Amino acid sequence: MKITKIETLEIDLSGQNGLDLWRPIYVRIHTDEGISGMGEASLAYGTASEAIAPMIRILAERFLLGQDPNDTETLWEIMRQRSFWALGGGPVIFGAMSALDAALWDIKGRAAGLSVHRLLGAKTPAPLRCYASQLHFGWTDESLMLNDPAEFRETAQIARAEGYDCVKLCPVYVDANGERIRKRGVFTPAERKLARSRMEAVREGIGEECDIIIEWNSLTSTSGALQLADHFSDLNILFMEEPTHYNSPEAQIKVSRESSIPVATGERLYTRWGFLPYLQQGAIDMIQPDIGLVGGITEGMKIAHLAHAFDVGVQAHNCGSPLAIAMALQFEAAIPNFEIHEHHSFNLKSCNRELFEEDLQPVNGKIAVPVTPGFGMTLRKDAEKRMNIVTICEK
C-alpha cells in the first residue's frame, strides 16, 4: 500500500452556538488501494489554528507521500528527526504530526477491518465513565459564561440528571462582573468568597455521590492555586487541573507537593519526553495527553505506558470535533491505566456534532467505544462542501 494523496480540510465555525473561536482542522490521507483515513489536530481554539494546515501539508509532502501507511513507527520518527523543529516540541509541529499519525492509524484499521483499539490488541471495553467538562460554559447547545452561583448549581444539576457522576468547572474563569480573569497572584477575600460560593452551589446541587474536578486552565499562579486548593479542601475534590503554566516544571512540582488536592495536567505537554520530568518528580496524579497534540496514537500509547510505570492514570484531553472524540476513545480503550473520559461542553454544540455522520454522546454518564474499522467516523458530505480543502499529490 502506498500514500498517493493528502488533503487538509478546515472549517471556521466561529460565532456559531456561542463559540467565540472554533476552527477544526483535519487531514485525509489517500492510498493506491482506495483506502483513506482521517486525523484531527486539536487546535480548533486558541491562536495557533491557522498555522496547522500548512504544517500538515509540508510534513506530508516531504515525508509521507509515496510511503506505506502501515509504517507508523518509522514515519513518526522520520517526521520527528528530519523536521528539525520537532526535536524541540511545540503545538504546531506536534499538532500536525498528531493529525497525520492518527490518519495513518485510521487507514491501518480500515485495511484490517478492525477498530484502532482492537488493532492495538485491546478487547472492547464496556462503555467508559465520563465527566461533564467545562460547566462554566453552560451545558446546552449554546455556549454561555456562567457567573451567578445559582447558574452553576442549575447547570451542574442538568449534567447530574443526565447520569454524569463527575463534573468539571472553573470557579474563577470570570469575575463578579462576568469579565475574564487574568491573574498571576493571590486572590482577594472577595474573589475567594465568590469562587467558594460557586463551588458550594455545585456541591449542593449534585450531592456527595458525584465527583468534582476543578479546572484552573493555567490561569492561576503557584501561590494562587495553592491558596484556592486550601480554600476548597473540604469539598471532596477529585482533581484540580492545570493549576499553573507549563513553562516551569518547578512551579507545577511545588503545587503538587503542597496541595491537599490531587493534580491532573498535561494537555499542553508533548511527547513522552515532555511528561517524563513531571512523572519522575511525582508531580501529576492523572495525566491528560491530547491525542491530537502529543504525537498521535503512536506517541500517545508510549506516554500512557510511561505513566503506567509510575502508577499514574490517564484521561485523554478532549476538546475537538467528533473525530477527536473517536481518537480519544480508541486510545483510552487500548491503555491499561484509563481513568475517566472527558466530554466537553463544546461536544454538545450542534455546529460541531453535525460535521460527522456519527454523533458520539454519552448515555447515563458513559460512552461506548466505536467498534467499526479505524476510528469509525464518516465526514458528512454537506459539511465537507463547506470546508477549505487543499490537496497535495505525488509529482
Protein backbone atom coordinates (compact mmCIF):
# COMPACT_ATOMS: atom_id res chain seq x y z
CA MET A 1 0.00 0.00 0.00
CA LYS A 2 1.27 3.48 -0.84
CA ILE A 3 0.21 7.02 0.10
CA THR A 4 -0.77 8.86 -3.08
CA LYS A 5 -2.66 11.97 -1.99
CA ILE A 6 -3.08 14.05 1.16
CA GLU A 7 -5.67 16.75 1.85
CA THR A 8 -6.08 19.29 4.62
CA LEU A 9 -9.66 20.24 5.46
CA GLU A 10 -10.55 23.32 7.51
CA ILE A 11 -13.85 24.81 8.56
CA ASP A 12 -14.44 28.01 10.50
CA LEU A 13 -17.40 27.66 12.86
CA SER A 14 -16.52 30.71 14.95
CA GLY A 15 -19.59 32.53 16.22
CA GLN A 16 -21.90 29.53 15.90
CA ASN A 17 -23.66 28.20 19.01
CA GLY A 18 -22.00 30.94 21.01
CA LEU A 19 -18.47 29.66 20.33
CA ASP A 20 -16.05 32.56 20.12
CA LEU A 21 -13.34 30.78 18.09
CA TRP A 22 -13.79 27.30 16.65
CA ARG A 23 -11.83 26.12 13.56
CA PRO A 24 -11.48 22.32 13.32
CA ILE A 25 -8.52 21.18 11.20
CA TYR A 26 -8.29 17.72 9.61
CA VAL A 27 -6.05 15.73 7.34
CA ARG A 28 -7.24 13.00 4.97
CA ILE A 29 -4.70 10.56 3.57
CA HIS A 30 -5.47 8.51 0.43
CA THR A 31 -3.75 5.33 -0.76
CA ASP A 32 -3.37 3.48 -4.03
CA GLU A 33 -5.65 0.74 -2.68
CA GLY A 34 -8.59 3.10 -2.35
CA ILE A 35 -8.45 3.21 1.45
CA SER A 36 -8.33 6.61 3.12
CA GLY A 37 -8.09 7.76 6.72
CA MET A 38 -8.63 10.98 8.68
CA GLY A 39 -6.96 12.62 11.64
CA GLU A 40 -7.55 15.84 13.56
CA ALA A 41 -5.20 18.39 15.11
CA SER A 42 -6.54 19.54 18.48
CA LEU A 43 -6.11 23.25 17.91
CA ALA A 44 -9.60 24.34 16.91
CA TYR A 45 -9.43 27.05 19.59
CA GLY A 46 -6.68 29.45 20.63
CA THR A 47 -4.26 31.34 18.42
CA ALA A 48 -2.48 28.57 16.51
CA SER A 49 -5.21 27.03 14.35
CA GLU A 50 -4.28 28.95 11.18
CA ALA A 51 -0.74 27.54 11.30
CA ILE A 52 -1.64 23.86 11.42
CA ALA A 53 -2.88 23.07 7.90
CA PRO A 54 0.25 24.46 6.18
CA MET A 55 2.44 22.50 8.59
CA ILE A 56 0.48 19.31 7.88
CA ARG A 57 0.97 19.78 4.14
CA ILE A 58 4.71 20.47 4.49
CA LEU A 59 5.30 17.36 6.61
CA ALA A 60 3.11 15.24 4.37
CA GLU A 61 4.77 16.32 1.14
CA ARG A 62 8.31 15.91 2.45
CA PHE A 63 7.98 12.73 4.46
CA LEU A 64 4.74 10.81 3.76
CA LEU A 65 3.87 10.87 0.06
CA GLY A 66 4.85 7.60 -1.58
CA GLN A 67 5.32 5.82 1.77
CA ASP A 68 3.49 2.79 3.18
CA PRO A 69 0.88 3.97 5.74
CA ASN A 70 1.45 0.83 7.79
CA ASP A 71 4.91 2.09 8.78
CA THR A 72 3.63 4.33 11.58
CA GLU A 73 6.67 3.93 13.86
CA THR A 74 9.12 4.64 11.06
CA LEU A 75 7.18 7.60 9.67
CA TRP A 76 6.74 9.13 13.14
CA GLU A 77 10.49 9.02 13.78
CA ILE A 78 11.23 10.42 10.33
CA MET A 79 8.94 13.40 10.97
CA ARG A 80 10.40 13.96 14.42
CA GLN A 81 14.05 13.76 13.40
CA ARG A 82 14.05 15.25 9.91
CA SER A 83 11.70 18.18 10.56
CA PHE A 84 14.36 19.69 12.86
CA TRP A 85 11.82 21.63 14.99
CA ALA A 86 10.07 18.53 16.32
CA LEU A 87 13.24 17.83 18.29
CA GLY A 88 12.25 20.80 20.47
CA GLY A 89 8.49 20.30 20.71
CA GLY A 90 5.54 22.67 20.38
CA PRO A 91 1.84 22.58 19.45
CA VAL A 92 2.11 23.43 15.75
CA ILE A 93 4.65 20.80 14.74
CA PHE A 94 3.22 18.12 17.04
CA GLY A 95 -0.38 19.05 16.25
CA ALA A 96 0.42 18.42 12.58
CA MET A 97 2.29 15.19 13.34
CA SER A 98 -0.59 14.03 15.54
CA ALA A 99 -3.19 14.54 12.82
CA LEU A 100 -1.05 12.71 10.26
CA ASP A 101 -0.29 9.84 12.61
CA ALA A 102 -3.98 9.46 13.50
CA ALA A 103 -4.93 9.32 9.82
CA LEU A 104 -2.38 6.55 9.29
CA TRP A 105 -3.92 4.54 12.14
CA ASP A 106 -7.37 5.10 10.66
CA ILE A 107 -6.09 3.62 7.39
CA LYS A 108 -4.48 0.68 9.15
CA GLY A 109 -7.69 -0.10 10.99
CA ARG A 110 -9.85 0.19 7.90
CA ALA A 111 -7.47 -2.01 5.91
CA ALA A 112 -7.51 -4.66 8.63
CA GLY A 113 -11.23 -4.39 9.26
CA LEU A 114 -10.56 -3.57 12.93
CA SER A 115 -11.18 -0.59 15.16
CA VAL A 116 -7.96 1.07 16.30
CA HIS A 117 -8.18 -0.23 19.87
CA ARG A 118 -8.59 -3.79 18.57
CA LEU A 119 -5.65 -3.22 16.22
CA LEU A 120 -3.64 -2.22 19.30
CA GLY A 121 -4.51 -5.53 20.94
CA ALA A 122 -7.23 -4.47 23.35
CA LYS A 123 -10.60 -6.03 23.98
CA THR A 124 -13.55 -3.69 23.50
CA PRO A 125 -14.41 -2.39 26.99
CA ALA A 126 -17.80 -1.66 28.47
CA PRO A 127 -18.91 1.96 27.95
CA LEU A 128 -16.42 4.29 29.60
CA ARG A 129 -17.15 6.52 32.56
CA CYS A 130 -17.40 10.20 31.51
CA TYR A 131 -17.40 13.55 33.19
CA ALA A 132 -19.27 16.65 32.09
CA SER A 133 -16.48 19.09 31.31
CA GLN A 134 -16.36 22.91 31.45
CA LEU A 135 -19.71 23.55 33.12
CA HIS A 136 -18.79 27.24 33.46
CA PHE A 137 -19.61 27.43 29.72
CA GLY A 138 -23.07 26.01 30.35
CA TRP A 139 -24.39 22.56 29.42
CA THR A 140 -26.63 23.30 26.44
CA ASP A 141 -26.41 23.76 22.67
CA GLU A 142 -25.39 27.38 23.22
CA SER A 143 -22.11 28.32 24.89
CA LEU A 144 -22.64 30.61 27.87
CA MET A 145 -20.46 32.24 30.51
CA LEU A 146 -21.83 31.40 33.93
CA ASN A 147 -21.45 33.94 36.71
CA ASP A 148 -24.06 33.66 39.46
CA PRO A 149 -23.69 30.69 41.85
CA ALA A 150 -27.32 29.74 41.15
CA GLU A 151 -26.41 29.28 37.48
CA PHE A 152 -23.57 26.96 38.46
CA ARG A 153 -25.94 24.92 40.63
CA GLU A 154 -28.61 24.60 37.93
CA THR A 155 -26.07 23.67 35.24
CA ALA A 156 -24.45 21.01 37.44
CA GLN A 157 -27.88 19.58 38.19
CA ILE A 158 -28.62 19.31 34.47
CA ALA A 159 -25.48 17.20 33.98
CA ARG A 160 -26.26 15.15 37.06
CA ALA A 161 -29.78 14.45 35.77
CA GLU A 162 -28.24 13.14 32.53
CA GLY A 163 -26.42 10.48 34.53
CA TYR A 164 -22.96 12.01 34.98
CA ASP A 165 -21.34 11.18 38.31
CA CYS A 166 -18.45 13.62 37.76
CA VAL A 167 -18.36 17.23 36.60
CA LYS A 168 -15.61 19.76 35.92
CA LEU A 169 -15.72 23.54 36.15
CA CYS A 170 -13.58 26.62 36.67
CA PRO A 171 -14.93 28.78 39.51
CA VAL A 172 -12.57 31.71 38.72
CA TYR A 173 -12.94 31.98 34.94
CA VAL A 174 -14.84 35.26 35.22
CA ASP A 175 -15.14 37.86 37.97
CA ALA A 176 -18.32 39.20 39.59
CA ASN A 177 -18.92 41.40 36.50
CA GLY A 178 -18.58 38.49 34.06
CA GLU A 179 -15.17 39.66 32.81
CA ARG A 180 -12.39 37.16 32.10
CA ILE A 181 -9.89 36.88 34.94
CA ARG A 182 -6.19 37.22 34.10
CA LYS A 183 -4.45 36.78 37.41
CA ARG A 184 -0.89 35.82 38.35
CA GLY A 185 -1.01 36.16 42.13
CA VAL A 186 -3.10 35.52 45.21
CA PHE A 187 -6.85 36.04 45.27
CA THR A 188 -8.52 38.75 47.31
CA PRO A 189 -11.07 37.90 50.03
CA ALA A 190 -13.90 38.98 47.70
CA GLU A 191 -12.58 36.80 44.86
CA ARG A 192 -12.20 33.83 47.17
CA LYS A 193 -15.71 34.33 48.51
CA LEU A 194 -17.21 34.37 45.00
CA ALA A 195 -15.28 31.27 43.92
CA ARG A 196 -16.30 29.49 47.12
CA SER A 197 -19.97 30.34 46.64
CA ARG A 198 -19.87 28.91 43.09
CA MET A 199 -18.21 25.70 44.28
CA GLU A 200 -20.58 25.30 47.21
CA ALA A 201 -23.53 25.76 44.86
CA VAL A 202 -22.24 22.96 42.61
CA ARG A 203 -21.58 20.61 45.52
CA GLU A 204 -25.03 21.29 46.99
CA GLY A 205 -26.64 20.81 43.59
CA ILE A 206 -25.09 17.44 42.76
CA GLY A 207 -24.73 15.98 46.24
CA GLU A 208 -21.93 13.95 47.75
CA GLU A 209 -22.31 11.00 45.36
CA CYS A 210 -20.82 12.93 42.44
CA ASP A 211 -17.16 13.82 41.88
CA ILE A 212 -15.91 17.32 41.08
CA ILE A 213 -12.80 18.27 39.11
CA ILE A 214 -11.67 21.88 39.38
CA GLU A 215 -10.37 23.45 36.17
CA TRP A 216 -7.78 26.22 36.54
CA ASN A 217 -6.88 26.50 32.80
CA SER A 218 -3.35 27.55 33.89
CA LEU A 219 -4.91 30.90 34.86
CA THR A 220 -3.56 30.66 38.39
CA SER A 221 -0.05 31.15 39.69
CA THR A 222 1.58 28.72 42.09
CA SER A 223 0.56 30.83 45.08
CA GLY A 224 -2.96 31.36 43.77
CA ALA A 225 -3.50 27.68 43.01
CA LEU A 226 -2.31 26.63 46.47
CA GLN A 227 -4.42 29.32 48.10
CA LEU A 228 -7.56 28.06 46.34
CA ALA A 229 -6.70 24.39 46.89
CA ASP A 230 -6.67 25.06 50.61
CA HIS A 231 -9.88 27.06 50.26
CA PHE A 232 -11.69 24.09 48.66
CA SER A 233 -10.04 21.21 50.52
CA ASP A 234 -13.24 20.32 52.41
CA LEU A 235 -15.40 19.94 49.27
CA ASN A 236 -14.12 16.46 48.37
CA ILE A 237 -12.46 17.44 45.08
CA LEU A 238 -11.28 14.56 42.85
CA PHE A 239 -8.58 16.53 40.98
CA MET A 240 -7.58 20.08 40.23
CA GLU A 241 -6.46 20.55 36.65
CA GLU A 242 -3.72 22.76 35.19
CA PRO A 243 -3.02 24.71 38.39
CA THR A 244 -0.20 26.65 36.76
CA HIS A 245 1.56 27.13 33.44
CA TYR A 246 3.90 24.64 31.73
CA ASN A 247 6.95 26.80 31.23
CA SER A 248 8.22 25.94 34.70
CA PRO A 249 8.12 22.30 35.82
CA GLU A 250 9.30 23.55 39.21
CA ALA A 251 6.10 25.56 39.68
CA GLN A 252 3.97 22.51 38.89
CA ILE A 253 6.06 20.36 41.24
CA LYS A 254 5.65 22.88 44.07
CA VAL A 255 1.86 22.86 43.67
CA SER A 256 1.64 19.07 43.65
CA ARG A 257 3.85 18.71 46.72
CA GLU A 258 1.97 21.27 48.81
CA SER A 259 -1.61 20.81 47.60
CA SER A 260 -4.07 18.67 49.53
CA ILE A 261 -5.97 18.07 46.26
CA PRO A 262 -4.54 15.64 43.64
CA VAL A 263 -3.29 17.28 40.44
CA ALA A 264 -4.22 16.46 36.83
CA THR A 265 -2.46 18.10 33.89
CA GLY A 266 -0.84 17.51 30.51
CA GLU A 267 -2.92 18.91 27.66
CA ARG A 268 -0.08 21.29 26.74
CA LEU A 269 2.75 18.77 27.07
CA TYR A 270 4.14 16.99 24.02
CA THR A 271 5.67 13.52 23.66
CA ARG A 272 6.95 11.16 26.35
CA TRP A 273 9.91 13.47 26.95
CA GLY A 274 7.57 16.28 27.92
CA PHE A 275 5.79 14.16 30.52
CA LEU A 276 8.86 12.40 31.92
CA PRO A 277 10.19 15.08 34.34
CA TYR A 278 6.73 15.59 35.84
CA LEU A 279 6.31 11.85 36.36
CA GLN A 280 9.77 11.47 37.80
CA GLN A 281 9.03 14.16 40.37
CA GLY A 282 5.62 12.73 41.23
CA ALA A 283 4.02 16.00 40.12
CA ILE A 284 0.99 14.56 38.27
CA ASP A 285 -1.66 12.29 39.77
CA MET A 286 -3.50 11.88 36.44
CA ILE A 287 -2.04 12.79 33.05
CA GLN A 288 -4.19 14.34 30.31
CA PRO A 289 -2.45 13.92 26.95
CA ASP A 290 -4.35 15.13 23.90
CA ILE A 291 -4.06 12.61 21.06
CA GLY A 292 -4.36 15.46 18.58
CA LEU A 293 -1.31 17.19 20.09
CA VAL A 294 1.07 14.77 21.83
CA GLY A 295 2.10 12.94 18.67
CA GLY A 296 -0.99 10.93 17.77
CA ILE A 297 -1.81 7.32 18.61
CA THR A 298 1.80 6.19 18.13
CA GLU A 299 3.17 8.54 20.78
CA GLY A 300 0.07 8.58 22.96
CA MET A 301 0.47 4.86 23.65
CA LYS A 302 4.07 5.37 24.72
CA ILE A 303 3.05 8.18 27.07
CA ALA A 304 0.29 6.08 28.64
CA HIS A 305 2.64 3.16 29.25
CA LEU A 306 5.27 5.51 30.65
CA ALA A 307 2.68 6.84 33.11
CA HIS A 308 1.67 3.27 33.93
CA ALA A 309 5.25 2.59 35.02
CA PHE A 310 4.81 5.42 37.56
CA ASP A 311 1.37 4.11 38.62
CA VAL A 312 -0.35 7.20 37.18
CA GLY A 313 -3.74 7.09 35.46
CA VAL A 314 -4.75 8.65 32.13
CA GLN A 315 -7.61 10.79 30.87
CA ALA A 316 -7.26 11.95 27.29
CA HIS A 317 -7.81 15.70 26.97
CA ASN A 318 -10.72 16.08 24.60
CA CYS A 319 -11.80 19.42 23.11
CA GLY A 320 -12.38 18.92 19.41
CA SER A 321 -14.85 17.67 16.84
CA PRO A 322 -16.49 14.21 16.86
CA LEU A 323 -13.34 12.81 15.22
CA ALA A 324 -11.27 13.99 18.20
CA ILE A 325 -13.72 12.19 20.49
CA ALA A 326 -13.28 8.99 18.49
CA MET A 327 -9.49 9.30 18.56
CA ALA A 328 -9.56 9.76 22.34
CA LEU A 329 -11.92 6.81 22.85
CA GLN A 330 -9.84 4.41 20.74
CA PHE A 331 -6.74 5.43 22.68
CA GLU A 332 -8.43 5.16 26.08
CA ALA A 333 -9.88 1.76 25.24
CA ALA A 334 -6.40 0.43 24.44
CA ILE A 335 -4.46 1.50 27.55
CA PRO A 336 -4.19 -0.28 30.92
CA ASN A 337 -4.43 2.84 33.09
CA PHE A 338 -7.55 4.62 31.80
CA GLU A 339 -9.33 6.68 34.47
CA ILE A 340 -12.22 8.67 33.00
CA HIS A 341 -13.30 10.18 29.65
CA GLU A 342 -13.76 13.93 29.19
CA HIS A 343 -16.95 15.04 27.44
CA HIS A 344 -16.54 18.74 26.75
CA SER A 345 -19.41 21.23 26.63
CA PHE A 346 -18.28 22.04 23.07
CA ASN A 347 -19.13 18.44 22.15
CA LEU A 348 -22.81 19.32 22.74
CA LYS A 349 -22.88 22.09 20.13
CA SER A 350 -24.90 21.29 17.00
CA CYS A 351 -22.40 23.02 14.68
CA ASN A 352 -19.79 20.57 15.94
CA ARG A 353 -21.96 17.44 16.11
CA GLU A 354 -23.17 17.89 12.53
CA LEU A 355 -19.70 17.54 11.00
CA PHE A 356 -19.80 13.73 11.04
CA GLU A 357 -22.48 11.10 10.48
CA GLU A 358 -21.71 9.56 13.86
CA ASP A 359 -22.75 11.51 16.96
CA LEU A 360 -20.72 10.21 19.89
CA GLN A 361 -22.62 11.19 23.03
CA PRO A 362 -22.67 9.56 26.48
CA VAL A 363 -25.72 7.74 27.80
CA ASN A 364 -26.23 7.90 31.56
CA GLY A 365 -22.74 9.29 32.01
CA LYS A 366 -20.99 6.56 30.00
CA ILE A 367 -19.86 6.50 26.38
CA ALA A 368 -19.49 3.48 24.09
CA VAL A 369 -16.24 2.94 22.19
CA PRO A 370 -16.88 2.61 18.41
CA VAL A 371 -16.10 -0.87 17.07
CA THR A 372 -16.24 -0.16 13.33
CA PRO A 373 -12.92 -0.17 11.41
CA GLY A 374 -10.39 2.55 12.10
CA PHE A 375 -11.86 5.39 14.12
CA GLY A 376 -15.29 4.55 12.74
CA MET A 377 -16.09 8.10 11.65
CA THR A 378 -17.70 9.36 8.42
CA LEU A 379 -17.40 13.00 7.36
CA ARG A 380 -20.76 14.38 6.27
CA LYS A 381 -20.93 15.44 2.63
CA ASP A 382 -22.70 18.70 3.41
CA ALA A 383 -20.00 19.55 5.97
CA GLU A 384 -17.22 18.73 3.51
CA LYS A 385 -18.73 21.12 0.95
CA ARG A 386 -18.28 23.97 3.45
CA MET A 387 -14.62 23.19 4.10
CA ASN A 388 -11.50 24.73 2.67
CA ILE A 389 -9.69 21.75 1.13
CA VAL A 390 -6.10 21.83 -0.15
CA THR A 391 -4.62 18.78 -1.88
CA ILE A 392 -1.05 17.61 -2.43
CA CYS A 393 -0.23 14.65 -4.63
CA GLU A 394 2.79 12.73 -5.83
CA LYS A 395 4.63 14.62 -8.52
